[in-house]
Amino acid sequence: MHLEPFEQAIIMLSRRIGASGVIALITAASIILSVLATLVLVVPQFSLEYSQDLILAVSLMIAVAVPLLVAPITVGRVISLLVRLDDAYLTLLKLSTTDPLTGAANRRGFFVEATARIQNLHHTDDILVGMVDLDSFKSLNDNFGHQFGDKVLCAVVRRLQAVLGEDIVGRLGGDEFAFLITGSHVRTKQVTQEIHTHCSDFTLNLEGIDEPILVSSSIGIVPWHREESLDQALAHADKVLYARKHLAPDRRDPRNLRDRDRKDSAKRDRNRQRTKLKRISLRHRSAYSIRRVHRGMA
């Protein structure tokens, strides 16, 4: 962002003396200019035959006019600078949270946005976390070039965004993507099915090659329990993803793995319940031991 000399001076002064110091400096400059204008324009009139009332009126007009000119001009320039700095900050913030190739959120942006969204959801909403990892992406790059590889990455993001709507999708790195599915149970179930349909296998055309090129990916989608961190939920999704990656293509259909996903989810629920029961048991044991000690002392 290009700054004019006046704007550079304001920023430099703000760093040295702070915002209050800049305000005090502008105020002092207005007063000094007002006094100088009065001395230059009014004092010589005392030697002429003008009434004191007229001289006083002219002095007051000068004293008021100078700050009225200095203040709006200075404040206007400062506000213009602040607006430009705010625009530059928002631009940098977007760049720091956006993947430049695909336009999706990068890893940092995905974690920040996903964490913020889950806090604003209704307690009855379902939350699913999913991951997508392209199969044999290195081979696509080696055989068809990195430009085609970039085209594949952008295609995955477009397909995910088309299905997810307002939900967030992010590129965690390389050919690995993550996304959220939120809303009612009916919606999350429908979106899950559409993601498997549109993103598991699709074709892309490449100039110079007659046949479309098949692109396949492995997908893992799991519930995000609110007591879990996003890292933990992604780890569960990653585990499901790699379980499907090592299956034959005809066995990756989500319907074939629905029972397995249900069992994994039930197993995590049982583990959480078991942990809660252990904590309750430990509390009761501690309370019982304390009562025994008190009775013994009595």
Protein backbone atom coordinates (compact mmCIF):
# COMPACT_ATOMS: atom_id res chain seq x y z
CA MET A 1 0.00 0.00 0.00
CA HIS A 2 1.46 3.35 -1.08
CA LEU A 3 1.39 6.06 1.58
CA GLU A 4 1.63 9.77 0.93
CA PRO A 5 4.22 11.85 2.89
CA PHE A 6 1.54 13.25 5.21
CA GLU A 7 0.24 9.74 5.99
CA GLN A 8 3.78 8.48 6.60
CA ALA A 9 4.34 11.39 9.00
CA ILE A 10 1.12 10.56 10.90
CA ILE A 11 2.13 6.92 11.27
CA MET A 12 5.65 7.82 12.36
CA LEU A 13 4.34 10.28 14.97
CA SER A 14 1.79 7.73 16.21
CA ARG A 15 4.58 5.21 16.80
CA ARG A 16 6.66 7.77 18.67
CA ILE A 17 4.13 9.70 20.75
CA GLY A 18 0.94 7.64 20.47
CA ALA A 19 -2.54 8.59 19.27
CA SER A 20 -3.17 11.01 22.15
CA GLY A 21 0.11 12.74 21.37
CA VAL A 22 -0.88 13.19 17.71
CA ILE A 23 -4.24 14.67 18.75
CA ALA A 24 -2.51 17.07 21.15
CA LEU A 25 -0.03 18.04 18.42
CA ILE A 26 -2.79 18.78 15.90
CA THR A 27 -4.67 20.83 18.50
CA ALA A 28 -1.54 22.81 19.37
CA ALA A 29 -0.85 23.43 15.68
CA SER A 30 -4.38 24.79 15.22
CA ILE A 31 -3.98 27.15 18.17
CA ILE A 32 -0.58 28.39 16.98
CA LEU A 33 -1.86 29.00 13.45
CA SER A 34 -4.86 30.86 14.87
CA VAL A 35 -2.66 33.10 17.04
CA LEU A 36 -0.24 33.81 14.18
CA ALA A 37 -3.09 34.68 11.82
CA THR A 38 -4.53 37.00 14.41
CA LEU A 39 -1.20 38.73 14.96
CA VAL A 40 -0.57 39.14 11.25
CA LEU A 41 -4.04 40.34 10.26
CA VAL A 42 -5.36 42.16 13.33
CA VAL A 43 -2.46 43.84 15.11
CA PRO A 44 -1.63 46.17 12.16
CA GLN A 45 -5.21 47.43 12.26
CA PHE A 46 -4.64 49.06 15.65
CA SER A 47 -2.59 51.83 13.92
CA LEU A 48 -5.54 52.57 11.65
CA GLU A 49 -8.76 54.26 12.58
CA TYR A 50 -10.90 51.17 13.20
CA SER A 51 -13.15 50.70 16.19
CA GLN A 52 -12.13 48.23 18.84
CA ASP A 53 -15.39 46.34 18.33
CA LEU A 54 -14.56 45.72 14.68
CA ILE A 55 -11.03 44.61 15.53
CA LEU A 56 -12.40 42.25 18.21
CA ALA A 57 -14.92 40.81 15.76
CA VAL A 58 -12.23 40.19 13.15
CA SER A 59 -10.03 38.53 15.79
CA LEU A 60 -12.83 36.19 16.80
CA MET A 61 -13.56 35.31 13.17
CA ILE A 62 -9.91 34.42 12.60
CA ALA A 63 -9.72 32.43 15.84
CA VAL A 64 -12.73 30.36 14.76
CA ALA A 65 -11.96 30.08 11.04
CA VAL A 66 -8.46 28.65 11.35
CA PRO A 67 -9.41 25.60 13.48
CA LEU A 68 -12.46 25.07 11.25
CA LEU A 69 -10.11 24.76 8.29
CA VAL A 70 -7.31 22.80 9.96
CA ALA A 71 -9.43 20.28 11.89
CA PRO A 72 -11.61 18.92 9.03
CA ILE A 73 -8.68 18.65 6.63
CA THR A 74 -6.47 16.89 9.17
CA VAL A 75 -9.20 14.59 10.49
CA GLY A 76 -10.29 13.74 6.95
CA ARG A 77 -6.77 12.71 6.00
CA VAL A 78 -6.40 10.65 9.18
CA ILE A 79 -9.74 8.87 8.64
CA SER A 80 -8.79 8.15 5.04
CA LEU A 81 -5.53 6.64 6.27
CA LEU A 82 -7.34 4.51 8.87
CA VAL A 83 -9.77 3.19 6.25
CA ARG A 84 -6.93 2.25 3.92
CA LEU A 85 -5.04 0.57 6.77
CA ASP A 86 -8.18 -1.36 7.74
CA ASP A 87 -8.66 -2.52 4.14
CA ALA A 88 -5.01 -3.60 4.02
CA TYR A 89 -5.43 -5.49 7.30
CA LEU A 90 -8.52 -7.33 6.04
CA THR A 91 -6.71 -8.20 2.82
CA LEU A 92 -3.72 -9.58 4.72
CA LEU A 93 -6.03 -11.49 7.07
CA LYS A 94 -7.78 -13.11 4.12
CA LEU A 95 -4.46 -13.97 2.49
CA SER A 96 -3.23 -15.54 5.73
CA THR A 97 -6.31 -17.79 6.02
CA THR A 98 -6.92 -18.66 2.36
CA ASP A 99 -5.25 -21.22 0.13
CA PRO A 100 -4.01 -19.22 -2.89
CA LEU A 101 -4.47 -22.05 -5.40
CA THR A 102 -7.98 -23.32 -4.65
CA GLY A 103 -9.50 -20.33 -2.85
CA ALA A 104 -10.59 -22.57 0.05
CA ALA A 105 -9.53 -21.92 3.62
CA ASN A 106 -6.00 -23.00 4.44
CA ARG A 107 -5.21 -25.04 7.55
CA ARG A 108 -5.14 -22.00 9.84
CA GLY A 109 -8.30 -20.55 8.34
CA PHE A 110 -10.17 -23.85 8.57
CA PHE A 111 -9.35 -24.34 12.26
CA VAL A 112 -10.29 -20.76 13.16
CA GLU A 113 -13.55 -20.76 11.19
CA ALA A 114 -14.61 -24.28 12.21
CA THR A 115 -14.03 -23.56 15.91
CA ALA A 116 -16.01 -20.31 15.65
CA ARG A 117 -18.91 -21.95 13.82
CA ILE A 118 -19.41 -24.78 16.27
CA GLN A 119 -19.78 -22.26 19.08
CA ASN A 120 -22.64 -20.52 17.26
CA LEU A 121 -24.60 -23.67 16.36
CA HIS A 122 -27.78 -24.72 18.10
CA HIS A 123 -27.33 -27.60 20.53
CA THR A 124 -29.70 -29.77 18.47
CA ASP A 125 -27.69 -29.40 15.26
CA ASP A 126 -25.63 -32.33 14.03
CA ILE A 127 -21.96 -31.68 13.30
CA LEU A 128 -19.91 -33.94 11.05
CA VAL A 129 -16.23 -33.60 10.21
CA GLY A 130 -14.90 -35.02 6.99
CA MET A 131 -11.60 -35.45 5.19
CA VAL A 132 -10.77 -36.10 1.55
CA ASP A 133 -7.46 -37.49 0.32
CA LEU A 134 -6.78 -38.02 -3.38
CA ASP A 135 -5.70 -41.47 -4.49
CA SER A 136 -2.41 -41.71 -6.41
CA PHE A 137 -2.13 -37.93 -6.69
CA LYS A 138 1.63 -38.18 -7.25
CA SER A 139 1.01 -40.39 -10.28
CA LEU A 140 -1.37 -37.80 -11.73
CA ASN A 141 1.31 -35.14 -11.34
CA ASP A 142 4.03 -37.34 -12.81
CA ASN A 143 1.96 -38.55 -15.75
CA PHE A 144 0.02 -35.42 -16.70
CA GLY A 145 2.00 -32.53 -15.20
CA HIS A 146 1.64 -30.27 -12.20
CA GLN A 147 -0.79 -27.97 -13.98
CA PHE A 148 -3.22 -30.83 -14.29
CA GLY A 149 -2.58 -31.65 -10.62
CA ASP A 150 -3.52 -28.07 -9.71
CA LYS A 151 -6.66 -28.46 -11.84
CA VAL A 152 -7.58 -31.58 -9.88
CA LEU A 153 -7.14 -29.81 -6.53
CA CYS A 154 -9.35 -26.92 -7.65
CA ALA A 155 -11.96 -29.36 -8.96
CA VAL A 156 -12.16 -31.12 -5.59
CA VAL A 157 -12.75 -27.83 -3.79
CA ARG A 158 -15.42 -26.75 -6.29
CA ARG A 159 -17.26 -30.05 -5.93
CA LEU A 160 -17.12 -29.91 -2.13
CA GLN A 161 -18.31 -26.30 -2.03
CA ALA A 162 -21.16 -27.05 -4.43
CA VAL A 163 -22.45 -29.75 -2.08
CA LEU A 164 -21.64 -28.13 1.27
CA GLY A 165 -23.17 -24.73 0.53
CA GLU A 166 -22.51 -22.45 3.52
CA ASP A 167 -20.44 -25.05 5.37
CA ILE A 168 -16.68 -24.60 5.37
CA VAL A 169 -14.09 -26.54 3.37
CA GLY A 170 -10.33 -26.18 3.77
CA ARG A 171 -7.16 -27.47 2.21
CA LEU A 172 -5.00 -28.79 5.03
CA GLY A 173 -2.00 -29.35 2.78
CA GLY A 174 -1.01 -31.16 -0.38
CA ASP A 175 -3.97 -33.22 -1.61
CA GLU A 176 -5.66 -33.39 1.79
CA PHE A 177 -8.91 -31.51 2.44
CA ALA A 178 -11.23 -31.13 5.43
CA PHE A 179 -14.81 -29.93 5.74
CA LEU A 180 -17.74 -29.50 8.13
CA ILE A 181 -21.33 -30.63 7.65
CA THR A 182 -23.81 -28.94 9.99
CA GLY A 183 -27.56 -28.81 10.38
CA SER A 184 -30.40 -31.23 10.94
CA HIS A 185 -29.94 -34.98 10.87
CA VAL A 186 -31.74 -35.17 7.52
CA ARG A 187 -29.48 -32.54 5.94
CA THR A 188 -26.21 -33.97 7.23
CA LYS A 189 -27.18 -37.44 6.01
CA GLN A 190 -28.11 -36.11 2.57
CA VAL A 191 -24.94 -34.01 2.24
CA THR A 192 -22.80 -36.97 3.29
CA GLN A 193 -24.28 -39.10 0.53
CA GLU A 194 -23.82 -36.33 -2.05
CA ILE A 195 -20.17 -35.86 -1.11
CA HIS A 196 -19.49 -39.57 -1.64
CA THR A 197 -21.36 -39.40 -4.96
CA HIS A 198 -19.68 -36.28 -6.36
CA CYS A 199 -16.18 -36.48 -4.89
CA SER A 200 -15.23 -40.15 -4.61
CA ASP A 201 -14.75 -40.58 -8.36
CA PHE A 202 -14.98 -38.05 -11.19
CA THR A 203 -13.33 -37.33 -14.50
CA LEU A 204 -11.46 -34.33 -15.88
CA ASN A 205 -10.52 -33.50 -19.45
CA LEU A 206 -6.97 -32.66 -20.45
CA GLU A 207 -6.09 -30.91 -23.68
CA GLY A 208 -4.39 -33.31 -26.08
CA ILE A 209 -5.91 -36.43 -24.52
CA ASP A 210 -9.11 -37.83 -25.99
CA GLU A 211 -10.26 -39.89 -23.05
CA PRO A 212 -11.30 -38.15 -19.78
CA ILE A 213 -8.93 -38.82 -16.88
CA LEU A 214 -10.40 -40.58 -13.85
CA VAL A 215 -9.73 -38.97 -10.47
CA SER A 216 -10.54 -40.95 -7.35
CA SER A 217 -10.34 -40.04 -3.69
CA SER A 218 -10.89 -41.57 -0.29
CA ILE A 219 -13.33 -39.91 2.10
CA GLY A 220 -13.82 -40.22 5.84
CA ILE A 221 -16.76 -38.58 7.65
CA VAL A 222 -17.45 -38.89 11.38
CA PRO A 223 -19.61 -37.10 13.98
CA TRP A 224 -17.91 -34.26 15.84
CA HIS A 225 -18.87 -34.54 19.49
CA ARG A 226 -18.80 -31.15 21.18
CA GLU A 227 -16.53 -32.32 23.98
CA GLU A 228 -13.88 -33.29 21.41
CA SER A 229 -11.28 -30.97 19.96
CA LEU A 230 -11.16 -30.44 16.22
CA ASP A 231 -7.84 -32.29 16.10
CA GLN A 232 -9.44 -35.33 17.72
CA ALA A 233 -12.39 -35.28 15.32
CA LEU A 234 -10.07 -34.98 12.31
CA ALA A 235 -8.01 -37.88 13.62
CA HIS A 236 -11.15 -40.05 13.71
CA ALA A 237 -12.08 -38.95 10.18
CA ASP A 238 -8.54 -39.66 9.02
CA LYS A 239 -8.74 -43.16 10.46
CA VAL A 240 -11.98 -43.85 8.53
CA LEU A 241 -10.45 -42.34 5.38
CA TYR A 242 -7.42 -44.61 5.40
CA ALA A 243 -9.54 -47.65 6.18
CA ARG A 244 -11.43 -46.96 2.95
CA LYS A 245 -8.28 -46.09 1.02
CA HIS A 246 -6.98 -49.63 1.47
CA LEU A 247 -10.21 -51.23 0.28
CA ALA A 248 -10.90 -52.27 -3.28
CA PRO A 249 -12.72 -49.56 -5.25
CA ASP A 250 -15.99 -51.52 -5.35
CA ARG A 251 -15.92 -51.82 -1.56
CA ARG A 252 -15.56 -48.09 -0.89
CA ASP A 253 -19.26 -47.46 -1.28
CA PRO A 254 -20.37 -45.80 1.97
CA ARG A 255 -23.30 -48.19 2.17
CA ASN A 256 -20.88 -51.11 2.50
CA LEU A 257 -19.10 -49.40 5.37
CA ARG A 258 -22.12 -47.96 7.13
CA ASP A 259 -22.17 -50.75 9.71
CA ARG A 260 -18.46 -50.30 10.38
CA ASP A 261 -18.89 -46.54 10.87
CA ARG A 262 -21.81 -47.16 13.19
CA LYS A 263 -19.74 -49.64 15.21
CA ASP A 264 -16.81 -47.22 15.42
CA SER A 265 -19.10 -44.43 16.62
CA ALA A 266 -20.75 -46.74 19.15
CA LYS A 267 -17.33 -47.87 20.36
CA ARG A 268 -16.25 -44.25 20.95
CA ASP A 269 -19.51 -43.60 22.81
CA ARG A 270 -18.91 -46.66 25.01
CA ASN A 271 -15.36 -45.54 25.75
CA ARG A 272 -16.56 -42.07 26.75
CA GLN A 273 -19.27 -43.58 28.95
CA ARG A 274 -16.74 -45.93 30.54
CA THR A 275 -14.43 -42.99 31.28
CA LYS A 276 -17.29 -41.06 32.93
CA LEU A 277 -18.19 -44.09 35.07
CA LYS A 278 -14.57 -44.46 36.18
CA ARG A 279 -14.46 -40.80 37.21
CA ILE A 280 -17.71 -41.14 39.16
CA SER A 281 -16.41 -44.31 40.84
CA LEU A 282 -13.18 -42.56 41.83
CA ARG A 283 -15.14 -39.66 43.33
CA HIS A 284 -17.29 -42.06 45.39
CA ARG A 285 -14.22 -43.95 46.59
CA SER A 286 -12.51 -40.72 47.61
CA ALA A 287 -15.62 -39.52 49.46
CA TYR A 288 -15.98 -42.92 51.20
CA SER A 289 -12.31 -42.87 52.27
CA ILE A 290 -12.64 -39.37 53.68
CA ARG A 291 -15.73 -40.38 55.69
CA ARG A 292 -13.86 -43.39 57.11
CA VAL A 293 -10.94 -41.19 58.13
CA HIS A 294 -13.28 -38.72 59.87
CA ARG A 295 -15.05 -41.56 61.69
CA GLY A 296 -11.72 -43.00 62.83
CA MET A 297 -10.60 -39.64 64.14
CA ALA A 298 -13.90 -39.25 65.99
